[in-house]
Amino acid sequence: MSEAWTRKEGKNPSGGLNAKGRASYKGGTLRPPVSAKQAKKSPTAAGRRKSFCARMSGMKSKLTSAKTANDPNSRINKSLRKWDC
């Protein structure tokens, strides 16, 4: 069976991966999303959030169809909302 991060059980319904999905990812250590509120407390978290938002916003415009980009329930839009992008 494939890793949890590729299946529904490893995905958070509100966007991104849940703890089980992050734990099953073998390519490195994944950390949970950083919201705008959390970013105000830590400059490291703020930099991570800024980098993620810039990278994913670019992916949204370049690598998705117009239908996916405008769908509020697409994985990329849920992820961007979770990070407060």
Protein backbone atom coordinates (compact mmCIF):
# COMPACT_ATOMS: atom_id res chain seq x y z
CA MET A 1 0.00 0.00 0.00
CA SER A 2 1.20 3.52 -0.73
CA GLU A 3 2.18 6.12 1.85
CA ALA A 4 -0.56 7.95 3.78
CA TRP A 5 0.36 11.36 2.33
CA THR A 6 -0.76 10.17 -1.11
CA ARG A 7 -4.10 8.84 0.15
CA LYS A 8 -7.15 10.49 1.67
CA GLU A 9 -6.30 9.33 5.20
CA GLY A 10 -3.15 11.47 5.19
CA LYS A 11 -4.81 14.64 3.89
CA ASN A 12 -6.43 17.29 6.04
CA PRO A 13 -9.95 18.12 4.78
CA SER A 14 -9.28 21.85 5.27
CA GLY A 15 -6.02 21.76 3.30
CA GLY A 16 -2.52 20.33 3.46
CA LEU A 17 -1.53 17.14 5.23
CA ASN A 18 -2.52 15.94 8.67
CA ALA A 19 -0.02 14.59 11.21
CA LYS A 20 -0.26 11.05 9.82
CA GLY A 21 0.39 12.29 6.29
CA ARG A 22 3.40 14.36 7.36
CA ALA A 23 4.82 11.40 9.30
CA SER A 24 4.50 9.06 6.31
CA TYR A 25 6.44 11.37 3.96
CA LYS A 26 9.93 9.86 3.57
CA GLY A 27 11.57 12.65 1.53
CA GLY A 28 12.32 14.77 4.60
CA THR A 29 10.76 16.27 7.67
CA LEU A 30 7.53 18.12 6.98
CA ARG A 31 6.27 20.67 9.45
CA PRO A 32 2.69 21.88 9.90
CA PRO A 33 1.43 25.05 8.18
CA VAL A 34 2.17 28.50 9.60
CA SER A 35 -0.77 30.89 9.85
CA ALA A 36 -0.41 34.68 9.82
CA LYS A 37 -1.03 34.74 13.59
CA GLN A 38 1.81 32.27 14.23
CA ALA A 39 4.12 34.14 11.82
CA LYS A 40 3.85 37.30 13.94
CA LYS A 41 5.41 35.44 16.88
CA SER A 42 8.48 34.09 15.08
CA PRO A 43 10.64 35.58 12.31
CA THR A 44 11.67 32.07 11.22
CA ALA A 45 8.04 31.01 10.83
CA ALA A 46 7.27 34.27 9.01
CA GLY A 47 10.04 33.60 6.48
CA ARG A 48 8.83 30.04 5.96
CA ARG A 49 5.28 31.24 5.40
CA LYS A 50 6.38 33.96 2.98
CA SER A 51 8.44 31.47 0.98
CA PHE A 52 5.62 28.92 0.85
CA CYS A 53 3.03 31.50 -0.25
CA ALA A 54 5.28 32.82 -3.02
CA ARG A 55 6.11 29.33 -4.28
CA MET A 56 2.57 27.95 -4.18
CA SER A 57 0.95 31.06 -5.64
CA GLY A 58 3.29 30.70 -8.62
CA MET A 59 2.37 27.03 -8.97
CA LYS A 60 -1.30 27.91 -8.88
CA SER A 61 -0.98 30.34 -11.76
CA LYS A 62 1.44 28.27 -13.88
CA LEU A 63 0.63 24.62 -13.25
CA THR A 64 -3.13 24.44 -12.79
CA SER A 65 -6.01 24.78 -15.18
CA ALA A 66 -8.39 27.74 -14.94
CA LYS A 67 -11.01 25.38 -13.54
CA THR A 68 -8.72 24.19 -10.73
CA ALA A 69 -7.45 27.68 -9.97
CA ASN A 70 -11.01 28.97 -9.50
CA ASP A 71 -12.34 25.95 -7.59
CA PRO A 72 -12.49 26.75 -3.85
CA ASN A 73 -12.31 23.03 -3.02
CA SER A 74 -9.14 22.27 -5.00
CA ARG A 75 -6.20 21.03 -2.91
CA ILE A 76 -4.01 23.99 -3.86
CA ASN A 77 -6.64 26.57 -2.85
CA LYS A 78 -7.31 24.80 0.43
CA SER A 79 -3.59 24.76 1.15
CA LEU A 80 -3.19 28.47 0.38
CA ARG A 81 -6.11 29.27 2.71
CA LYS A 82 -4.58 27.13 5.47
CA TRP A 83 -1.37 29.18 5.24
CA ASP A 84 -3.33 32.48 5.06
CA CYS A 85 -1.84 33.33 1.65
